[in-house]
Protein backbone atom coordinates (compact mmCIF):
# COMPACT_ATOMS: atom_id res chain seq x y z
CA MET A 1 -53.52 92.85 162.19
CA ALA A 2 -51.26 95.69 161.05
CA HIS A 3 -47.81 94.83 159.74
CA LYS A 4 -44.77 96.15 161.56
CA LEU A 5 -42.89 98.85 159.71
CA LEU A 6 -39.86 97.67 157.74
CA GLY A 7 -37.54 100.06 159.59
CA GLU A 8 -38.79 98.78 162.94
CA ILE A 9 -38.05 95.19 161.93
CA MET A 10 -34.53 96.11 160.82
CA ILE A 11 -33.83 97.98 164.05
CA GLN A 12 -35.04 94.97 166.07
CA ALA A 13 -32.71 92.76 164.03
CA LYS A 14 -29.88 95.23 164.86
CA TRP A 15 -29.10 95.74 161.18
CA ILE A 16 -29.58 99.51 161.50
CA ASP A 17 -30.13 102.02 164.29
CA GLU A 18 -32.66 104.83 164.66
CA ASP A 19 -30.22 107.46 163.37
CA LYS A 20 -29.63 105.59 160.11
CA LEU A 21 -33.36 105.01 159.70
CA GLN A 22 -34.10 108.73 160.03
CA LYS A 23 -31.38 109.60 157.50
CA ALA A 24 -32.80 107.01 155.10
CA LEU A 25 -36.32 108.42 155.54
CA LYS A 26 -35.00 111.89 154.71
CA PHE A 27 -33.22 110.49 151.64
CA GLN A 28 -36.45 108.71 150.61
CA GLN A 29 -38.40 111.98 150.87
CA GLN A 30 -35.85 113.68 148.61
CA GLN A 31 -35.41 110.90 146.05
CA GLY A 32 -38.65 108.93 146.22
CA GLY A 33 -38.81 105.14 146.05
CA LEU A 34 -39.09 102.60 148.87
CA ILE A 35 -37.42 102.86 152.27
CA GLY A 36 -35.59 99.57 151.65
CA GLU A 37 -34.11 100.97 148.43
CA ALA A 38 -32.97 104.07 150.32
CA LEU A 39 -31.22 101.97 152.99
CA VAL A 40 -29.37 100.00 150.30
CA LYS A 41 -28.41 103.09 148.27
CA LEU A 42 -27.00 104.74 151.40
CA ARG A 43 -25.20 101.45 152.18
CA TYR A 44 -26.76 101.30 155.63
CA ALA A 45 -28.07 97.80 154.90
CA THR A 46 -27.56 95.04 152.37
CA GLU A 47 -30.10 93.86 149.81
CA GLU A 48 -30.28 90.57 151.69
CA GLN A 49 -31.15 92.26 155.00
CA VAL A 50 -33.88 94.36 153.39
CA ALA A 51 -35.33 91.32 151.61
CA GLN A 52 -35.36 89.26 154.82
CA ALA A 53 -37.03 92.11 156.71
CA LEU A 54 -39.65 92.49 153.95
CA ALA A 55 -40.31 88.74 154.04
CA LYS A 56 -40.85 88.91 157.80
CA GLN A 57 -43.06 92.01 157.46
CA LEU A 58 -45.35 90.40 154.87
CA GLY A 59 -45.19 86.84 156.17
CA ILE A 60 -43.79 85.56 152.87
CA PRO A 61 -40.94 83.01 152.68
CA TYR A 62 -37.43 84.27 151.93
CA ALA A 63 -35.58 82.46 149.12
CA SER A 64 -31.81 82.26 148.80
CA LYS A 65 -29.09 79.88 147.69
CA GLU A 66 -28.25 79.27 151.35
CA ASN A 67 -31.67 77.93 152.29
CA GLN A 68 -31.80 75.90 149.03
CA ILE A 69 -35.09 77.53 147.92
CA LEU A 70 -33.65 79.77 145.20
CA ASN A 71 -32.95 76.75 143.03
CA PRO A 72 -35.37 76.22 140.10
CA GLU A 73 -36.39 72.59 139.69
CA LYS A 74 -35.31 70.89 136.49
CA GLY A 75 -37.66 68.98 134.21
CA GLN A 76 -40.86 70.94 134.91
CA GLY A 77 -40.58 73.19 131.85
CA LEU A 78 -40.42 76.28 134.06
CA GLU A 79 -38.36 78.24 131.55
CA LYS A 80 -41.28 78.05 129.10
CA MET A 81 -43.77 79.39 131.65
CA ILE A 82 -41.94 82.69 132.19
CA PRO A 83 -40.01 84.00 129.16
CA GLU A 84 -36.45 85.09 129.85
CA LYS A 85 -37.11 88.71 128.81
CA PHE A 86 -40.05 88.99 131.21
CA ALA A 87 -37.97 87.38 133.96
CA ARG A 88 -35.09 89.84 133.47
CA ASP A 89 -37.27 92.93 133.06
CA ASN A 90 -39.19 92.18 136.26
CA ALA A 91 -36.50 90.35 138.30
CA VAL A 92 -38.57 87.19 138.78
CA VAL A 93 -37.63 83.54 138.41
CA PRO A 94 -39.83 80.41 138.62
CA LEU A 95 -38.90 77.90 141.33
CA PHE A 96 -41.32 74.95 141.22
CA ILE A 97 -44.95 73.96 140.62
CA GLU A 98 -47.01 72.71 143.55
CA ASN A 99 -50.78 72.26 143.83
CA ASN A 100 -51.29 73.94 140.44
CA THR A 101 -49.57 77.14 141.57
CA LEU A 102 -46.22 78.48 140.39
CA ALA A 103 -43.77 79.31 143.17
CA THR A 104 -41.83 82.36 142.01
CA ALA A 105 -38.96 84.37 143.52
CA LEU A 106 -39.42 88.11 143.19
CA THR A 107 -38.33 91.34 144.85
CA ASP A 108 -41.61 93.16 145.48
CA PRO A 109 -44.73 91.08 146.16
CA THR A 110 -46.73 94.30 146.72
CA ASN A 111 -46.47 95.17 143.01
CA ILE A 112 -49.99 94.08 142.02
CA ILE A 113 -49.63 95.04 138.35
CA MET A 114 -46.51 92.92 137.96
CA LEU A 115 -48.17 89.97 139.74
CA ASP A 116 -51.21 90.20 137.44
CA ASN A 117 -48.91 90.24 134.40
CA LEU A 118 -47.04 87.26 135.82
CA LYS A 119 -50.32 85.33 136.13
CA LEU A 120 -51.21 86.17 132.53
CA VAL A 121 -47.79 85.16 131.20
CA SER A 122 -47.56 81.89 133.14
CA GLY A 123 -51.27 81.02 133.09
CA MET A 124 -51.08 79.99 136.74
CA GLU A 125 -51.71 81.32 140.22
CA ILE A 126 -48.53 82.61 141.86
CA THR A 127 -47.04 81.72 145.24
CA PRO A 128 -44.48 84.47 145.94
CA PHE A 129 -41.10 84.05 147.56
CA ILE A 130 -38.98 87.10 148.36
CA SER A 131 -35.35 87.36 147.28
CA THR A 132 -32.88 90.04 146.19
CA LYS A 133 -32.56 91.37 142.67
CA ALA A 134 -28.87 90.42 142.49
CA GLN A 135 -29.55 86.81 143.52
CA ILE A 136 -32.52 86.47 141.17
CA LEU A 137 -30.63 87.84 138.16
CA LYS A 138 -27.74 85.50 138.88
CA VAL A 139 -30.11 82.52 138.94
CA ILE A 140 -31.73 83.76 135.70
CA ASP A 141 -28.30 83.71 134.03
CA SER A 142 -27.70 80.06 134.89
CA PHE A 143 -31.34 78.90 134.57
CA TYR A 144 -32.04 80.27 131.10
CA SER A 145 -28.58 79.87 129.59
CA GLY A 146 -27.59 76.62 131.24
CA GLN A 147 -24.37 78.29 132.42
CA THR A 148 -23.00 78.32 135.94
CA SER A 149 -20.23 80.31 137.56
CA LEU A 150 -16.72 78.91 137.85
CA ILE A 151 -17.19 78.51 141.60
CA ASP A 152 -20.50 76.66 141.17
CA ARG A 153 -18.87 74.32 138.65
CA VAL A 154 -16.17 73.37 141.14
CA LEU A 155 -18.67 73.00 143.98
CA ASP A 156 -20.97 70.82 141.85
CA LYS A 157 -18.07 68.73 140.52
CA GLY A 158 -16.52 68.30 143.93
CA ALA A 159 -19.56 67.15 145.87
CA GLY A 160 -18.44 64.13 147.82
CA GLU A 161 -14.82 64.29 146.67
CA GLY A 162 -11.96 63.92 149.10
CA GLN A 163 -9.05 66.17 149.87
CA GLY A 164 -6.34 64.11 148.25
CA GLU A 165 -3.10 65.22 146.67
CA SER A 166 -3.52 67.89 144.05
CA SER A 167 -2.57 67.75 140.41
CA GLU A 168 -2.91 71.54 140.31
CA THR A 169 0.15 72.34 142.40
CA ASP A 170 2.02 72.87 139.14
CA VAL A 171 0.05 76.09 138.57
CA VAL A 172 2.45 77.73 141.05
CA THR A 173 5.55 78.74 139.08
CA SER A 174 9.13 78.42 140.27
CA ASP A 175 9.16 82.09 141.32
CA GLY A 176 6.02 81.66 143.45
CA LYS A 177 3.40 83.08 141.07
CA LEU A 178 -0.06 81.52 140.80
CA ASP A 179 -0.43 80.85 137.06
CA LEU A 180 -4.17 80.88 136.39
CA ASP A 181 -3.64 80.40 132.67
CA LYS A 182 -2.79 76.76 133.45
CA VAL A 183 -5.90 76.20 135.56
CA ILE A 184 -8.68 74.09 134.03
CA ILE A 185 -11.81 74.69 136.09
CA GLY A 186 -13.81 71.49 136.51
CA ASP A 187 -10.83 69.14 136.20
CA SER A 188 -11.74 66.07 138.24
CA LYS A 189 -8.23 65.76 139.67
CA GLY A 190 -6.80 67.56 142.64
CA ALA A 191 -7.76 68.76 146.09
CA GLN A 192 -11.11 70.53 146.23
CA SER A 193 -9.72 73.42 148.31
CA ILE A 194 -7.00 74.21 145.77
CA LYS A 195 -9.45 74.12 142.87
CA LEU A 196 -11.85 76.36 144.79
CA VAL A 197 -9.16 78.96 145.50
CA ASN A 198 -8.24 78.97 141.80
CA ALA A 199 -11.90 79.26 140.75
CA ILE A 200 -12.68 82.03 143.26
CA ILE A 201 -9.72 84.13 142.13
CA LYS A 202 -10.32 83.50 138.43
CA GLN A 203 -14.01 84.41 138.69
CA ALA A 204 -13.16 87.50 140.77
CA ILE A 205 -10.75 88.76 138.11
CA GLY A 206 -13.34 88.12 135.40
CA GLU A 207 -15.91 90.20 137.31
CA ARG A 208 -13.45 93.11 137.86
CA CYS A 209 -13.47 92.46 141.61
CA SER A 210 -11.14 94.58 143.76
CA ASP A 211 -11.50 92.65 147.03
CA ILE A 212 -12.47 89.06 147.84
CA HIS A 213 -14.06 88.51 151.28
CA LEU A 214 -14.32 85.01 152.74
CA GLU A 215 -15.59 84.54 156.28
CA LYS A 216 -17.24 81.96 158.47
CA TYR A 217 -20.26 82.42 160.70
CA ASP A 218 -21.93 80.05 163.14
CA GLU A 219 -23.66 77.93 160.52
CA LYS A 220 -22.45 79.09 157.12
CA VAL A 221 -19.60 80.48 155.03
CA ALA A 222 -19.98 83.79 153.19
CA LEU A 223 -18.11 84.71 150.01
CA ARG A 224 -18.41 88.27 148.70
CA PHE A 225 -16.80 90.23 145.86
CA ARG A 226 -16.35 94.00 146.02
CA ILE A 227 -17.11 95.30 142.53
CA ASP A 228 -17.11 99.03 141.80
CA GLY A 229 -17.16 99.75 145.53
CA THR A 230 -20.12 97.51 146.43
CA LEU A 231 -20.05 94.03 147.99
CA TYR A 232 -21.98 91.26 146.23
CA GLU A 233 -22.56 87.73 147.53
CA ARG A 234 -21.32 84.79 145.51
CA SER A 235 -21.75 81.03 145.88
CA ALA A 236 -19.86 80.04 149.02
CA PRO A 237 -17.97 76.79 149.65
CA GLN A 238 -19.12 74.27 152.21
CA SER A 239 -18.21 74.95 155.83
CA GLU A 240 -15.98 71.86 156.00
CA LEU A 241 -13.77 73.26 153.21
CA PHE A 242 -13.26 76.65 154.87
CA ASP A 243 -10.10 75.88 156.89
CA ALA A 244 -8.45 74.15 153.93
CA ILE A 245 -9.12 77.18 151.71
CA ILE A 246 -7.63 79.54 154.31
CA SER A 247 -4.55 77.31 154.59
CA ARG A 248 -4.13 77.25 150.80
CA VAL A 249 -4.16 81.06 150.63
CA LYS A 250 -1.72 81.24 153.56
CA ILE A 251 0.68 78.97 151.68
CA LEU A 252 0.45 81.17 148.56
CA ALA A 253 1.06 84.31 150.66
CA LYS A 254 3.91 82.65 152.62
CA LEU A 255 2.10 82.99 155.96
CA ASP A 256 2.19 80.72 159.02
CA ILE A 257 -0.56 78.13 158.49
CA SER A 258 -0.41 77.05 162.15
CA GLU A 259 -1.08 80.57 163.53
CA ARG A 260 -4.80 81.19 163.95
CA ARG A 261 -4.84 83.58 166.91
CA LEU A 262 -3.12 86.64 165.44
CA PRO A 263 -3.75 88.77 162.35
CA GLN A 264 -1.40 88.07 159.43
CA ASP A 265 -0.63 90.03 156.26
CA GLY A 266 1.09 88.76 153.15
CA SER A 267 1.05 88.88 149.38
CA PHE A 268 1.54 86.86 146.22
CA THR A 269 1.41 87.43 142.48
CA ILE A 270 -1.12 86.00 140.03
CA LYS A 271 -0.17 85.43 136.40
CA PHE A 272 -3.26 85.75 134.22
CA GLN A 273 -3.62 86.47 130.49
CA ASN A 274 -0.06 87.78 130.12
CA ARG A 275 -0.27 90.20 133.05
CA ASN A 276 0.80 90.06 136.68
CA ILE A 277 -1.81 90.82 139.33
CA GLU A 278 -0.46 91.68 142.77
CA THR A 279 -2.59 90.20 145.55
CA ARG A 280 -2.51 91.50 149.12
CA VAL A 281 -3.75 89.05 151.74
CA SER A 282 -5.13 89.98 155.15
CA ILE A 283 -6.20 87.35 157.67
CA CYS A 284 -7.95 88.37 160.88
CA PRO A 285 -9.15 86.04 163.67
CA THR A 286 -12.85 86.38 164.53
CA VAL A 287 -15.09 84.58 167.01
CA PHE A 288 -16.17 82.11 164.31
CA GLY A 289 -12.76 81.58 162.74
CA GLU A 290 -10.37 83.43 160.47
CA LYS A 291 -11.65 86.05 158.04
CA LEU A 292 -9.82 86.37 154.73
CA VAL A 293 -9.65 89.44 152.51
CA MET A 294 -7.66 89.39 149.27
CA ARG A 295 -7.13 92.68 147.44
CA LEU A 296 -6.48 92.27 143.72
CA LEU A 297 -4.26 95.02 142.33
CA ASP A 298 -4.70 94.61 138.60
CA LYS A 299 -2.72 97.34 136.86
CA GLY A 300 -4.44 96.38 133.61
CA ASN A 301 -7.76 97.56 135.05
CA VAL A 302 -6.44 100.92 136.32
CA GLU A 303 -6.24 104.05 134.19
CA PHE A 304 -3.16 106.23 134.72
CA ASN A 305 -4.28 108.73 132.11
CA VAL A 306 -5.50 112.11 133.39
CA ASP A 307 -7.84 112.31 130.39
CA LYS A 308 -9.73 109.18 131.44
CA ILE A 309 -10.01 109.17 135.24
CA GLY A 310 -12.83 111.72 135.49
CA PHE A 311 -11.40 115.26 135.42
CA GLU A 312 -13.46 117.95 133.73
CA VAL A 313 -11.28 119.90 131.26
CA ARG A 314 -10.73 122.93 133.49
CA GLN A 315 -10.04 120.75 136.53
CA LYS A 316 -7.39 118.80 134.63
CA GLU A 317 -5.74 121.99 133.40
CA ASP A 318 -5.68 123.49 136.90
CA PHE A 319 -4.27 120.32 138.47
CA LEU A 320 -1.53 119.93 135.85
CA LYS A 321 -0.66 123.63 136.08
CA ALA A 322 -0.01 123.18 139.80
CA ALA A 323 1.77 119.84 139.24
CA THR A 324 4.28 121.47 136.88
CA ALA A 325 5.13 124.32 139.26
CA PRO A 326 8.77 124.38 140.44
CA HIS A 327 7.83 124.14 144.11
CA GLY A 328 4.89 124.22 146.48
CA LEU A 329 2.33 121.91 148.11
CA ILE A 330 -0.64 120.11 146.50
CA LEU A 331 -3.19 118.33 148.72
CA LEU A 332 -5.77 115.77 147.60
CA THR A 333 -8.47 114.73 150.08
CA GLY A 334 -11.14 112.08 150.30
CA PRO A 335 -12.08 108.97 152.28
CA THR A 336 -10.24 105.66 152.04
CA GLY A 337 -10.97 103.94 148.73
CA SER A 338 -11.97 107.10 146.88
CA GLY A 339 -9.24 106.77 144.25
CA LYS A 340 -6.70 109.31 145.54
CA THR A 341 -3.71 107.06 144.80
CA THR A 342 -4.90 106.46 141.23
CA THR A 343 -5.31 110.21 140.63
CA LEU A 344 -1.87 111.08 141.97
CA ASN A 345 -0.26 108.22 140.02
CA ALA A 346 -1.98 109.48 136.85
CA VAL A 347 -0.64 113.00 137.48
CA LEU A 348 2.89 111.69 138.13
CA ASN A 349 2.65 109.50 135.02
CA THR A 350 1.80 112.64 133.01
CA ILE A 351 4.60 114.87 134.31
CA LYS A 352 7.39 112.29 134.58
CA SER A 353 10.37 112.66 132.24
CA PRO A 354 14.12 111.92 132.32
CA GLU A 355 14.68 115.55 133.36
CA ILE A 356 12.67 115.19 136.60
CA ASN A 357 13.57 113.13 139.69
CA ILE A 358 10.27 111.88 141.15
CA MET A 359 10.25 110.01 144.48
CA THR A 360 7.29 108.59 146.40
CA LEU A 361 6.65 107.38 149.96
CA GLU A 362 3.70 104.99 150.06
CA ASP A 363 1.92 102.65 152.46
CA PRO A 364 1.72 100.35 150.65
CA VAL A 365 3.18 100.67 147.15
CA GLU A 366 0.10 99.42 145.28
CA VAL A 367 1.28 99.86 141.69
CA LYS A 368 4.91 99.90 140.55
CA MET A 369 5.67 102.59 137.97
CA GLU A 370 8.66 102.97 135.69
CA GLY A 371 10.64 106.19 135.91
CA ILE A 372 9.61 106.86 139.52
CA SER A 373 11.53 105.90 142.69
CA GLN A 374 8.94 104.37 145.02
CA VAL A 375 9.58 103.61 148.69
CA GLN A 376 7.42 101.44 150.96
CA ILE A 377 7.28 102.86 154.48
CA ARG A 378 8.03 100.46 157.35
CA PRO A 379 7.14 102.06 160.71
CA GLN A 380 8.23 98.95 162.62
CA ILE A 381 11.85 99.68 161.71
CA GLY A 382 11.57 103.46 161.91
CA LEU A 383 10.91 104.21 158.22
CA THR A 384 7.91 106.51 158.69
CA PHE A 385 6.58 109.10 156.25
CA ALA A 386 8.45 111.84 158.13
CA ALA A 387 11.73 109.88 158.34
CA GLY A 388 11.56 108.90 154.68
CA LEU A 389 10.86 112.47 153.64
CA ARG A 390 13.90 113.76 155.52
CA SER A 391 15.99 111.14 153.70
CA PHE A 392 14.48 112.15 150.34
CA LEU A 393 15.79 115.70 150.71
CA ARG A 394 19.32 114.27 150.36
CA GLN A 395 18.34 112.45 147.13
CA ASP A 396 18.07 115.60 144.98
CA PRO A 397 14.33 115.23 144.24
CA ASP A 398 12.25 117.54 142.07
CA VAL A 399 8.84 116.06 142.89
CA ILE A 400 7.91 114.20 146.08
CA LEU A 401 4.73 112.24 146.74
CA VAL A 402 3.90 111.56 150.40
CA GLY A 403 1.17 108.94 150.55
CA GLU A 404 -0.61 110.46 153.55
CA THR A 405 -0.06 113.35 155.96
CA ARG A 406 -1.05 111.68 159.21
CA ASP A 407 0.62 113.74 161.92
CA ASN A 408 2.41 116.96 162.82
CA GLU A 409 5.86 115.53 162.08
CA THR A 410 4.89 114.56 158.53
CA ALA A 411 3.04 117.84 157.95
CA GLU A 412 6.06 119.89 159.02
CA ALA A 413 8.39 117.79 156.82
CA CYS A 414 6.06 118.29 153.80
CA LEU A 415 5.95 122.04 154.36
CA LYS A 416 9.72 122.26 154.78
CA ALA A 417 10.29 120.34 151.53
CA ALA A 418 7.79 122.53 149.66
CA MET A 419 9.46 125.70 150.97
CA THR A 420 12.94 124.58 149.93
CA GLY A 421 12.39 124.22 146.19
CA HIS A 422 10.49 120.94 145.86
CA LEU A 423 7.01 120.14 144.59
CA VAL A 424 5.21 118.03 147.21
CA LEU A 425 1.96 116.12 146.69
CA SER A 426 0.13 114.47 149.59
CA THR A 427 -3.28 113.29 150.78
CA LEU A 428 -5.49 113.91 153.81
CA HIS A 429 -8.72 112.37 155.08
CA THR A 430 -11.22 115.25 155.05
CA ASN A 431 -14.73 115.53 153.61
CA SER A 432 -13.98 118.50 151.36
CA ALA A 433 -10.89 120.00 149.74
CA LEU A 434 -10.80 123.23 151.74
CA GLU A 435 -11.15 121.40 155.07
CA ALA A 436 -7.55 120.27 154.53
CA ILE A 437 -6.38 123.77 155.46
CA PRO A 438 -7.77 123.95 159.03
CA ARG A 439 -6.75 120.29 159.47
CA LEU A 440 -3.09 121.22 158.86
CA ILE A 441 -3.41 124.26 161.10
CA ASP A 442 -4.73 121.90 163.81
CA MET A 443 -1.44 119.99 163.32
CA ASP A 444 0.37 123.17 164.47
CA ILE A 445 1.31 124.36 160.98
CA GLU A 446 1.52 128.17 160.91
CA ALA A 447 -1.28 129.64 158.79
CA TYR A 448 0.96 132.22 157.11
CA LEU A 449 3.47 129.53 156.06
CA LEU A 450 0.68 127.33 154.72
CA ALA A 451 -0.84 130.24 152.77
CA SER A 452 2.46 131.04 151.11
CA THR A 453 3.25 127.40 150.22
CA LEU A 454 -0.06 125.81 149.25
CA LEU A 455 -0.75 125.76 145.49
CA LEU A 456 -3.93 123.73 145.18
CA VAL A 457 -6.37 121.64 147.20
CA ALA A 458 -8.69 119.04 145.69
CA ALA A 459 -11.18 116.42 146.84
CA GLN A 460 -12.65 113.43 145.05
CA ARG A 461 -15.21 110.64 145.20
CA LEU A 462 -15.87 107.66 142.94
CA VAL A 463 -19.20 107.25 141.15
CA ARG A 464 -20.23 104.08 139.38
CA VAL A 465 -20.32 104.22 135.57
CA LEU A 466 -23.60 103.16 133.99
CA CYS A 467 -23.31 100.13 131.72
CA PRO A 468 -23.43 101.55 128.15
CA ASP A 469 -25.22 98.43 126.89
CA CYS A 470 -28.28 98.63 129.14
CA LYS A 471 -28.60 102.10 130.72
CA VAL A 472 -32.13 103.46 130.40
CA PRO A 473 -33.00 107.11 129.61
CA TYR A 474 -35.73 108.79 131.65
CA ARG A 475 -37.28 112.17 132.29
CA PRO A 476 -35.99 113.37 135.71
CA SER A 477 -38.45 114.26 138.45
CA GLN A 478 -39.16 117.90 139.22
CA GLU A 479 -37.12 117.58 142.41
CA GLU A 480 -34.12 116.28 140.45
CA ILE A 481 -34.52 119.10 137.91
CA ASP A 482 -34.61 121.69 140.71
CA MET A 483 -31.50 120.22 142.36
CA PHE A 484 -29.69 120.12 139.02
CA ALA A 485 -30.55 123.77 138.29
CA ARG A 486 -29.47 124.85 141.77
CA GLU A 487 -26.29 122.81 142.18
CA SER A 488 -24.75 122.13 138.76
CA ARG A 489 -23.29 125.66 138.42
CA LEU A 490 -23.72 125.42 134.64
CA ASP A 491 -23.98 128.79 132.91
CA PRO A 492 -26.00 128.81 130.80
CA LEU A 493 -28.24 125.98 131.97
CA PRO A 494 -29.49 123.52 129.34
CA ASP A 495 -33.21 123.52 128.50
CA LEU A 496 -34.68 122.09 131.71
CA THR A 497 -37.85 120.99 129.89
CA ARG A 498 -35.81 118.60 127.73
CA LEU A 499 -33.43 117.14 130.32
CA THR A 500 -32.66 113.44 129.98
CA PHE A 501 -30.95 111.44 132.72
CA TYR A 502 -30.08 107.74 132.72
CA LYS A 503 -30.57 104.97 135.26
CA ALA A 504 -29.22 101.46 135.76
CA ARG A 505 -30.98 98.37 134.47
CA GLY A 506 -28.66 95.36 134.29
CA CYS A 507 -27.65 92.93 131.55
CA PRO A 508 -25.24 89.98 131.11
CA LYS A 509 -22.42 92.32 130.01
CA CYS A 510 -22.41 94.08 133.40
CA VAL A 511 -23.25 90.89 135.37
CA ASN A 512 -26.75 92.35 135.86
CA MET A 513 -25.49 95.18 138.05
CA GLY A 514 -26.35 98.07 135.76
CA TYR A 515 -22.92 99.58 136.30
CA LYS A 516 -19.50 98.79 134.87
CA GLY A 517 -16.46 100.54 136.33
CA ARG A 518 -16.05 103.80 138.24
CA LYS A 519 -14.93 107.34 137.53
CA ALA A 520 -13.90 110.13 139.86
CA ILE A 521 -15.70 113.39 140.44
CA TYR A 522 -13.57 116.25 141.75
CA GLU A 523 -13.52 119.67 143.30
CA VAL A 524 -10.28 121.47 142.45
CA PHE A 525 -9.45 124.83 144.04
CA PHE A 526 -6.44 126.98 143.23
CA ILE A 527 -5.21 128.89 146.27
CA THR A 528 -5.76 132.44 145.03
CA GLU A 529 -4.64 135.61 146.78
CA GLU A 530 -8.19 136.05 148.13
CA ILE A 531 -8.17 132.55 149.65
CA LYS A 532 -4.70 133.15 151.11
CA ARG A 533 -6.01 136.20 152.96
CA VAL A 534 -8.82 134.11 154.49
CA VAL A 535 -6.30 131.39 155.47
CA VAL A 536 -4.10 133.88 157.31
CA LYS A 537 -7.09 135.56 158.99
CA ASP A 538 -9.07 132.59 160.36
CA ALA A 539 -9.10 129.75 157.75
CA ASP A 540 -12.90 129.83 157.77
CA VAL A 541 -14.03 127.05 155.41
CA PRO A 542 -17.37 128.61 154.31
CA LYS A 543 -15.58 131.89 153.48
CA MET A 544 -12.87 130.08 151.50
CA ARG A 545 -15.52 128.02 149.71
CA GLU A 546 -17.52 131.13 148.77
CA THR A 547 -14.37 132.81 147.47
CA ALA A 548 -13.36 129.76 145.43
CA LEU A 549 -16.80 129.33 143.86
CA LYS A 550 -16.94 133.02 142.94
CA SER A 551 -13.77 132.49 140.92
CA GLY A 552 -15.63 130.00 138.71
CA ALA A 553 -14.57 126.71 140.32
CA TRP A 554 -17.19 124.10 141.23
CA ASP A 555 -17.64 121.63 144.04
CA LEU A 556 -18.15 117.85 144.14
CA ARG A 557 -21.91 118.02 143.66
CA ALA A 558 -21.56 120.31 140.62
CA SER A 559 -19.00 117.93 139.10
CA GLY A 560 -21.34 115.05 139.82
CA TRP A 561 -24.25 116.70 138.01
CA ARG A 562 -22.03 117.10 134.94
CA LYS A 563 -21.43 113.33 134.96
CA VAL A 564 -25.18 112.73 135.33
CA LEU A 565 -25.98 115.07 132.43
CA ALA A 566 -23.41 113.29 130.25
CA GLY A 567 -25.01 109.91 131.03
CA VAL A 568 -21.86 108.65 132.76
CA THR A 569 -23.58 107.88 136.07
CA SER A 570 -27.05 107.91 137.57
CA ALA A 571 -28.45 110.72 139.70
CA GLU A 572 -29.21 108.29 142.53
CA ASP A 573 -25.64 106.98 142.70
CA MET A 574 -24.10 110.46 142.51
CA LEU A 575 -26.44 111.86 145.17
CA SER A 576 -25.77 108.98 147.57
CA ILE A 577 -21.99 109.38 147.15
CA THR A 578 -22.08 113.16 147.72
CA MET A 579 -24.79 113.23 150.40
CA THR A 580 -22.34 114.40 153.11
CA GLU A 581 -21.46 117.45 151.01
CA ARG A 582 -24.86 119.08 151.54
């Protein structure tokens, strides 16, 4: 009997639709590899969904922490049967011995060569279980080293404990900060929910997590950390602790613990290792209960140095040249979460001085900066971007940052400020830099005024940085070489017969992800006289793009290839991030 196709199974499970499957198949044809890998790289599906679909396709059991299978038995000497290096290199972990066969979790049971090697190494027949690489590597860490995560330690310690009064309430300081430096994970005293909140936050900070997601489904609780733009599952608390954890976070964020029907937003500050970490809390009611998202704004993990955020040398020089002009408009575009705020803060941090009055309108103010007057907009009381900007003009500003140009009123106010002797920086949500121009014209901004005022447009994306301790060099495929030669806009090209790219592997230093941190890739276009003429005529994006590239600038894909060539990121990550640019 023929197996169903993996894509068909995932469509039936409603994890993807036909359109996403076709895009993934096209990506697979271009990049090679398995269709499941393509779906994950494009972020159309999670590793867990692909693994479950593969398990169903092949009729092999799925192993995870949730179903209690991905839990190697102690006392059977399993760690001696599969050496740690082999386990890490092949993403396999032994589970238990039964009927003289070794049950083993792995990612690809169709890899016959690996299975044969596994038999040779262990000296036993293998019963495969399917799991995800991330889950397997996490189990390898604890199984071979005897270490467990902070969250697991609290969960293990707290099994069967009650919800009595906490001895950890003293970790909240008199000014309302959560002082994690006073937290002792594994202390037997105190309410389990409070210790779990402390452990979750402390582990998230240690893993460079930007967002903590905690949500409840029909039969389980899910905890996920967003690290370098990607969500990863972590050990989740028991369902019966969920409401107590939500209430604890509400108390920290000064929210109404009795309100469970409406969304709530709040914030609190974490004190950790001599730095303050601002934490934004969002609670949203769902059909299964409240969903919690905590965003960790750790200024210590953010670079505000234009030399370190990802600019190529010429791009940095062009951006700073525009940013030191006496007046005009600079626009930075990109999707939400692409690092636009960090870039603009780095630019402002570079140009600020006692001689310049810099004012910003933000929603929200994510990072507080000395020497800059920052204003949080509050639409509910009438303090919009447009209203704040009109007020700024009476504050004698030299440089104005408007967090986002969302509507005609804000666009007109930005243009007016730029035309009356002020330098204005703002952002828009467009796919490419030059698409910002027709977007503003669609907001009823006159093309001739825009052409005379606009100094520079730029766009950016974030690519993941390969872990320097475990990245692996490889000879790129012919297709990758052809794309590099066609799209990198390098003149002269390096010797294509000796190209070396790098790919992710995973090690303890990067929590087995293969990546550690992110950097931006940019396209930066000065508005030249030639581009101005196109703007006034019809603002045709392909014509403006052609004109800009002829002047020697390069687009996002070209910037991305430079990062790949330098070994900063992998070709697969860069291509998935910039796929919409082709």
